[in-house]
C-alpha atoms as a PDB file:
ATOM      1  CA  MET A   1      -9.184 -15.449 -22.112  1.00  0.00           C
ATOM      2  CA  ARG A   2     -10.205 -17.937 -20.432  1.00  0.00           C
ATOM      3  CA  THR A   3     -11.308 -18.954 -16.079  1.00  0.00           C
ATOM      4  CA  VAL A   4      -9.607 -22.128 -15.023  1.00  0.00           C
ATOM      5  CA  ASN A   5     -10.215 -23.616 -11.697  1.00  0.00           C
ATOM      6  CA  GLY A   6      -7.994 -21.638  -8.920  1.00  0.00           C
ATOM      7  CA  GLY A   7      -8.632 -18.602 -10.596  1.00  0.00           C
ATOM      8  CA  VAL A   8      -5.944 -19.096 -13.066  1.00  0.00           C
ATOM      9  CA  VAL A   9      -7.070 -15.979 -15.733  1.00  0.00           C
ATOM     10  CA  ILE A  10      -5.055 -16.580 -19.232  1.00  0.00           C
ATOM     11  CA  PHE A  11      -5.673 -13.102 -20.703  1.00  0.00           C
ATOM     12  CA  LEU A  12      -3.946 -12.191 -23.830  1.00  0.00           C
ATOM     13  CA  GLY A  13      -1.122 -14.017 -23.806  1.00  0.00           C
ATOM     14  CA  TYR A  14      -0.400 -12.245 -20.206  1.00  0.00           C
ATOM     15  CA  LEU A  15      -0.350 -14.928 -17.198  1.00  0.00           C
ATOM     16  CA  SER A  16      -1.818 -13.890 -14.303  1.00  0.00           C
ATOM     17  CA  MET A  17      -2.928 -16.285 -10.783  1.00  0.00           C
ATOM     18  CA  VAL A  18      -5.456 -14.310  -9.048  1.00  0.00           C
ATOM     19  CA  ILE A  19      -6.448 -16.729  -5.835  1.00  0.00           C
ATOM     20  CA  TYR A  20      -9.474 -15.286  -3.785  1.00  0.00           C
ATOM     21  CA  GLN A  21      -9.247 -16.582  -0.328  1.00  0.00           C
ATOM     22  CA  ARG A  22     -11.775 -13.620   0.704  1.00  0.00           C
ATOM     23  CA  ARG A  23     -14.365 -11.881  -1.629  1.00  0.00           C
ATOM     24  CA  VAL A  24     -14.294  -8.123  -2.705  1.00  0.00           C
ATOM     25  CA  VAL A  25     -17.278  -6.659  -3.515  1.00  0.00           C
ATOM     26  CA  GLY A  26     -17.052  -5.763  -6.820  1.00  0.00           C
ATOM     27  CA  LEU A  27     -13.820  -6.845  -8.616  1.00  0.00           C
ATOM     28  CA  THR A  28     -13.423 -10.358 -10.106  1.00  0.00           C
ATOM     29  CA  GLU A  29     -10.947 -12.334 -10.770  1.00  0.00           C
ATOM     30  CA  VAL A  30     -10.926 -11.267 -14.161  1.00  0.00           C
ATOM     31  CA  GLY A  31     -11.708  -7.819 -13.780  1.00  0.00           C
ATOM     32  CA  LEU A  32      -8.510  -7.933 -11.898  1.00  0.00           C
ATOM     33  CA  ALA A  33      -6.456  -9.632 -13.843  1.00  0.00           C
ATOM     34  CA  ARG A  34      -7.560  -7.169 -16.954  1.00  0.00           C
ATOM     35  CA  PHE A  35      -6.059  -4.484 -14.058  1.00  0.00           C
ATOM     36  CA  MET A  36      -2.837  -6.657 -13.829  1.00  0.00           C
ATOM     37  CA  ALA A  37      -2.596  -6.764 -17.817  1.00  0.00           C
ATOM     38  CA  ARG A  38      -3.023  -3.034 -18.002  1.00  0.00           C
ATOM     39  CA  VAL A  39      -0.625  -2.184 -15.739  1.00  0.00           C
ATOM     40  CA  SER A  40       2.228  -4.855 -17.270  1.00  0.00           C
ATOM     41  CA  ARG A  41       1.492  -2.960 -19.851  1.00  0.00           C
ATOM     42  CA  ALA A  42       2.118   0.373 -18.306  1.00  0.00           C
ATOM     43  CA  LEU A  43       5.360  -0.760 -16.732  1.00  0.00           C
ATOM     44  CA  ARG A  44       6.982  -2.975 -19.939  1.00  0.00           C
ATOM     45  CA  LEU A  45       6.698  -6.032 -17.130  1.00  0.00           C
ATOM     46  CA  ARG A  46       6.953  -9.570 -19.225  1.00  0.00           C
ATOM     47  CA  GLY A  47       5.850 -12.606 -17.158  1.00  0.00           C
ATOM     48  CA  GLU A  48       3.386 -13.587 -14.776  1.00  0.00           C
ATOM     49  CA  VAL A  49       2.680 -12.630 -11.639  1.00  0.00           C
ATOM     50  CA  ASN A  50       0.697 -14.185  -8.598  1.00  0.00           C
ATOM     51  CA  VAL A  51      -2.116 -11.764  -6.358  1.00  0.00           C
ATOM     52  CA  LEU A  52      -3.437 -13.746  -3.627  1.00  0.00           C
ATOM     53  CA  ILE A  53      -6.186 -11.479  -1.574  1.00  0.00           C
ATOM     54  CA  THR A  54      -6.593 -12.854   1.560  1.00  0.00           C
ATOM     55  CA  SER A  55      -6.981 -11.966   5.234  1.00  0.00           C
ATOM     56  CA  SER A  56      -5.678  -9.678   7.341  1.00  0.00           C
ATOM     57  CA  ARG A  57      -4.335 -12.889   9.857  1.00  0.00           C
ATOM     58  CA  GLU A  58      -2.680 -14.339   6.414  1.00  0.00           C
ATOM     59  CA  LEU A  59      -0.988 -10.817   5.678  1.00  0.00           C
ATOM     60  CA  LYS A  60       0.378 -11.241   9.137  1.00  0.00           C
ATOM     61  CA  ALA A  61       1.964 -14.471   9.392  1.00  0.00           C
ATOM     62  CA  LEU A  62       3.175 -14.096   6.002  1.00  0.00           C
ATOM     63  CA  ASN A  63       5.048 -10.393   7.228  1.00  0.00           C
ATOM     64  CA  ALA A  64       6.038 -12.150  10.504  1.00  0.00           C
ATOM     65  CA  ARG A  65       7.452 -14.579   8.571  1.00  0.00           C
ATOM     66  CA  PHE A  66       9.145 -12.652   5.556  1.00  0.00           C
ATOM     67  CA  ARG A  67      10.002  -9.169   7.220  1.00  0.00           C
ATOM     68  CA  LYS A  68       9.794 -10.041  10.682  1.00  0.00           C
ATOM     69  CA  LYS A  69       7.001  -7.643  11.599  1.00  0.00           C
ATOM     70  CA  ASP A  70       4.419  -9.621  13.803  1.00  0.00           C
ATOM     71  CA  GLU A  71       1.636  -7.228  12.554  1.00  0.00           C
ATOM     72  CA  PRO A  72      -0.940  -7.979   9.747  1.00  0.00           C
ATOM     73  CA  THR A  73       0.335  -4.988   6.491  1.00  0.00           C
ATOM     74  CA  ASP A  74      -1.870  -4.131   3.410  1.00  0.00           C
ATOM     75  CA  VAL A  75       0.051  -5.590   1.034  1.00  0.00           C
ATOM     76  CA  LEU A  76       3.419  -7.137   0.579  1.00  0.00           C
ATOM     77  CA  SER A  77       5.337  -8.160  -2.803  1.00  0.00           C
ATOM     78  CA  PHE A  78       7.756 -11.177  -3.506  1.00  0.00           C
ATOM     79  CA  PRO A  79      10.218 -10.362  -6.564  1.00  0.00           C
ATOM     80  CA  SER A  80      10.966 -13.657  -7.640  1.00  0.00           C
ATOM     81  CA  SER A  81      14.267 -14.914  -6.785  1.00  0.00           C
ATOM     82  CA  LEU A  82      14.300 -17.789  -9.500  1.00  0.00           C
ATOM     83  CA  ASP A  83      16.414 -17.365 -12.761  1.00  0.00           C
ATOM     84  CA  PRO A  84      15.999 -14.383 -14.339  1.00  0.00           C
ATOM     85  CA  ALA A  85      14.989 -16.062 -17.377  1.00  0.00           C
ATOM     86  CA  SER A  86      12.159 -17.006 -15.668  1.00  0.00           C
ATOM     87  CA  ASP A  87       8.578 -16.215 -16.719  1.00  0.00           C
ATOM     88  CA  LEU A  88       7.500 -15.546 -13.123  1.00  0.00           C
ATOM     89  CA  LEU A  89       8.333 -12.043 -12.300  1.00  0.00           C
ATOM     90  CA  GLY A  90       7.006 -12.526  -8.229  1.00  0.00           C
ATOM     91  CA  ASP A  91       3.927 -12.546  -6.181  1.00  0.00           C
ATOM     92  CA  VAL A  92       1.765 -10.186  -4.450  1.00  0.00           C
ATOM     93  CA  ALA A  93      -0.274 -10.527  -1.706  1.00  0.00           C
ATOM     94  CA  ILE A  94      -3.466  -8.478  -0.377  1.00  0.00           C
ATOM     95  CA  SER A  95      -4.989  -8.219   2.639  1.00  0.00           C
ATOM     96  CA  ALA A  96      -8.906  -8.271   1.454  1.00  0.00           C
ATOM     97  CA  ASP A  97      -9.599  -6.967   5.569  1.00  0.00           C
ATOM     98  CA  ILE A  98      -7.461  -4.287   5.898  1.00  0.00           C
ATOM     99  CA  ALA A  99      -8.901  -2.795   1.969  1.00  0.00           C
ATOM    100  CA  SER A 100     -12.170  -3.033   3.183  1.00  0.00           C
ATOM    101  CA  GLN A 101     -11.233  -0.699   6.529  1.00  0.00           C
ATOM    102  CA  ASN A 102      -9.002   1.471   4.196  1.00  0.00           C
ATOM    103  CA  ALA A 103     -12.124   2.145   1.335  1.00  0.00           C
ATOM    104  CA  ARG A 104     -14.938   2.615   3.988  1.00  0.00           C
ATOM    105  CA  LYS A 105     -12.731   4.726   5.798  1.00  0.00           C
ATOM    106  CA  LEU A 106     -11.151   6.877   2.320  1.00  0.00           C
ATOM    107  CA  GLY A 107     -14.602   7.129   0.567  1.00  0.00           C
ATOM    108  CA  HIS A 108     -13.485   4.955  -2.359  1.00  0.00           C
ATOM    109  CA  SER A 109     -14.919   0.969  -3.394  1.00  0.00           C
ATOM    110  CA  ALA A 110     -12.933  -1.900  -1.697  1.00  0.00           C
ATOM    111  CA  ALA A 111     -12.351  -3.049  -5.654  1.00  0.00           C
ATOM    112  CA  ASP A 112     -10.299   0.553  -5.873  1.00  0.00           C
ATOM    113  CA  GLU A 113      -8.671  -0.026  -2.821  1.00  0.00           C
ATOM    114  CA  ILE A 114      -7.489  -4.211  -4.330  1.00  0.00           C
ATOM    115  CA  LYS A 115      -6.554  -2.292  -7.754  1.00  0.00           C
ATOM    116  CA  ILE A 116      -4.126   0.692  -5.691  1.00  0.00           C
ATOM    117  CA  LEU A 117      -3.050  -1.998  -3.927  1.00  0.00           C
ATOM    118  CA  THR A 118      -1.878  -4.693  -6.689  1.00  0.00           C
ATOM    119  CA  LEU A 119      -0.109  -1.770  -8.536  1.00  0.00           C
ATOM    120  CA  HIS A 120       1.984  -0.685  -5.440  1.00  0.00           C
ATOM    121  CA  GLY A 121       2.684  -4.365  -5.370  1.00  0.00           C
ATOM    122  CA  MET A 122       3.450  -4.828  -9.147  1.00  0.00           C
ATOM    123  CA  LEU A 123       5.737  -1.478  -8.746  1.00  0.00           C
ATOM    124  CA  HIS A 124       8.253  -3.218  -6.243  1.00  0.00           C
ATOM    125  CA  LEU A 125       7.677  -5.904  -8.984  1.00  0.00           C
ATOM    126  CA  ALA A 126       8.961  -4.059 -11.612  1.00  0.00           C
ATOM    127  CA  GLY A 127      12.004  -2.989  -9.246  1.00  0.00           C
ATOM    128  CA  TYR A 128      10.784   0.288  -7.276  1.00  0.00           C
ATOM    129  CA  ASP A 129      11.386   0.604  -3.826  1.00  0.00           C
ATOM    130  CA  HIS A 130       9.757   4.232  -2.455  1.00  0.00           C
ATOM    131  CA  GLU A 131      11.736   3.938   0.776  1.00  0.00           C
ATOM    132  CA  HIS A 132      15.066   4.245  -0.896  1.00  0.00           C
ATOM    133  CA  ASP A 133      14.882   5.574  -3.908  1.00  0.00           C
ATOM    134  CA  ASN A 134      14.036   9.414  -3.258  1.00  0.00           C
ATOM    135  CA  GLY A 135      10.495   9.888  -4.900  1.00  0.00           C
ATOM    136  CA  LYS A 136      11.210   7.993  -8.500  1.00  0.00           C
ATOM    137  CA  MET A 137       7.771   5.074  -6.970  1.00  0.00           C
ATOM    138  CA  SER A 138       5.922   8.088  -6.131  1.00  0.00           C
ATOM    139  CA  ARG A 139       5.735   9.990  -9.161  1.00  0.00           C
ATOM    140  CA  LYS A 140       5.253   6.610 -10.879  1.00  0.00           C
ATOM    141  CA  GLU A 141       2.680   5.243  -8.845  1.00  0.00           C
ATOM    142  CA  GLU A 142       0.193   8.562  -9.276  1.00  0.00           C
ATOM    143  CA  ARG A 143       0.979   8.688 -12.953  1.00  0.00           C
ATOM    144  CA  LEU A 144      -0.796   5.446 -13.058  1.00  0.00           C
ATOM    145  CA  ARG A 145      -3.077   6.475 -10.453  1.00  0.00           C
ATOM    146  CA  VAL A 146      -4.139   9.032 -12.409  1.00  0.00           C
ATOM    147  CA  LEU A 147      -4.208   6.987 -15.943  1.00  0.00           C
ATOM    148  CA  PHE A 148      -5.875   3.705 -14.259  1.00  0.00           C
ATOM    149  CA  GLY A 149      -8.786   6.559 -12.964  1.00  0.00           C
ATOM    150  CA  LEU A 150      -7.588   5.630  -9.379  1.00  0.00           C
ATOM    151  CA  PRO A 151      -8.478   7.462  -6.175  1.00  0.00           C
ATOM    152  CA  SER A 152      -5.170   8.678  -4.347  1.00  0.00           C
ATOM    153  CA  GLY A 153      -2.336   6.404  -4.242  1.00  0.00           C
ATOM    154  CA  LEU A 154      -0.808   3.876  -1.281  1.00  0.00           C
ATOM    155  CA  ILE A 155       2.428   6.311  -1.165  1.00  0.00           C
ATOM    156  CA  SER A 156       0.975   9.672  -1.085  1.00  0.00           C
ATOM    157  CA  ARG A 157      -1.442   8.693   1.318  1.00  0.00           C
ATOM    158  CA  THR A 158       1.425   7.451   3.494  1.00  0.00           C
ATOM    159  CA  GLN A 159       3.432  10.189   3.305  1.00  0.00           C
ATOM    160  CA  ARG A 160       0.664  12.642   3.906  1.00  0.00           C
ATOM    161  CA  THR A 161      -0.250  10.498   7.174  1.00  0.00           C
ATOM    162  CA  LEU A 162       3.335  10.664   8.136  1.00  0.00           C
ATOM    163  CA  ARG A 163       3.276  14.574   7.438  1.00  0.00           C
ATOM    164  CA  SER A 164      -0.309  15.002  10.251  1.00  0.00           C
ATOM    165  CA  SER A 165       1.635  12.585  12.779  1.00  0.00           C
ATOM    166  CA  LEU A 166       4.688  14.502  12.984  1.00  0.00           C
ATOM    167  CA  LYS A 167       3.106  17.939  12.578  1.00  0.00           C
ATOM    168  CA  ASN A 168       0.745  16.700  15.206  1.00  0.00           C
ATOM    169  CA  LYS A 169       3.740  15.560  17.306  1.00  0.00           C
ATOM    170  CA  ARG A 170       5.467  18.664  17.593  1.00  0.00           C
ATOM    171  CA  ALA A 171       2.498  20.768  18.185  1.00  0.00           C
ATOM    172  CA  ALA A 172       1.995  18.207  21.274  1.00  0.00           C
ATOM    173  CA  GLN A 173       5.645  18.631  21.764  1.00  0.00           C
ATOM    174  CA  ALA A 174       5.704  22.459  21.884  1.00  0.00           C
ATOM    175  CA  LYS A 175       2.503  22.769  24.237  1.00  0.00           C
ATOM    176  CA  LYS A 176       3.988  20.684  26.053  1.00  0.00           C
ATOM    177  CA  MET A 177       7.319  22.964  26.543  1.00  0.00           C
ATOM    178  CA  ASN A 178       4.714  25.801  27.239  1.00  0.00           C
ATOM    179  CA  ARG A 179       3.448  24.311  30.393  1.00  0.00           C
ATOM    180  CA  ALA A 180       7.409  23.361  31.357  1.00  0.00           C
ATOM    181  CA  VAL A 181       7.878  27.201  31.180  1.00  0.00           C
ATOM    182  CA  LEU A 182       4.578  28.251  33.019  1.00  0.00           C
ATOM    183  CA  GLN A 183       5.362  25.619  36.280  1.00  0.00           C
ATOM    184  CA  LEU A 184       9.359  26.901  35.699  1.00  0.00           C
ATOM    185  CA  ALA A 185       8.218  30.625  35.717  1.00  0.00           C
ATOM    186  CA  PRO A 186       7.775  32.418  38.865  1.00  0.00           C
ATOM    187  CA  ALA A 187       4.604  32.933  40.399  1.00  0.00           C
ATOM    188  CA  THR A 188       4.587  36.720  40.161  1.00  0.00           C
ATOM    189  CA  THR A 189       7.268  38.896  38.297  1.00  0.00           C
ATOM    190  CA  PRO A 190       9.205  41.227  39.527  1.00  0.00           C
ATOM    191  CA  LEU A 191       7.156  44.230  38.583  1.00  0.00           C
ATOM    192  CA  GLU A 192       4.292  42.469  40.208  1.00  0.00           C
ATOM    193  CA  ARG A 193       6.160  42.576  43.865  1.00  0.00           C
ATOM    194  CA  LYS A 194       6.071  46.110  43.843  1.00  0.00           C
ATOM    195  CA  ARG A 195       2.710  46.577  44.119  1.00  0.00           C
END
């Protein structure tokens, strides 16, 4: 293992490039490259994965350019479009700003959050797609998260948030409907009028 200028780390024959434009407390380029090697072995990936740890502003620009969504996001994956025989699997870009915010909100370290987002991005590079795979990526992410001793995964907490939002939305709609029904109801019932 050796560190080269620019954050390039060669680890046990697995070449990865980790570029920190934003530092994360408790996580070095070497530490993240070791984690990436473990994920790569668990997913049986072969090839180079580049990870960029950067700002929310940079992720917003990448999200707008490649996904046509003008908003910051926590992680983006860019599978290689090169020849399948290429050594490059793809790139992962992570917002250190959002990772730190999520870590504080969820009660774990920013280093763990970066690892969760790296795992999520590498699953996408391995061909998983949580938007179209009926939970296959979520189950795989959950198993690997437990294997690596990481807190709740990105997909599972996103699904919990969506379920909670949907539940709150339904409760608000029911409350609104009840108010509307009460407004339409006559001020007195026929029994009350007889008195």
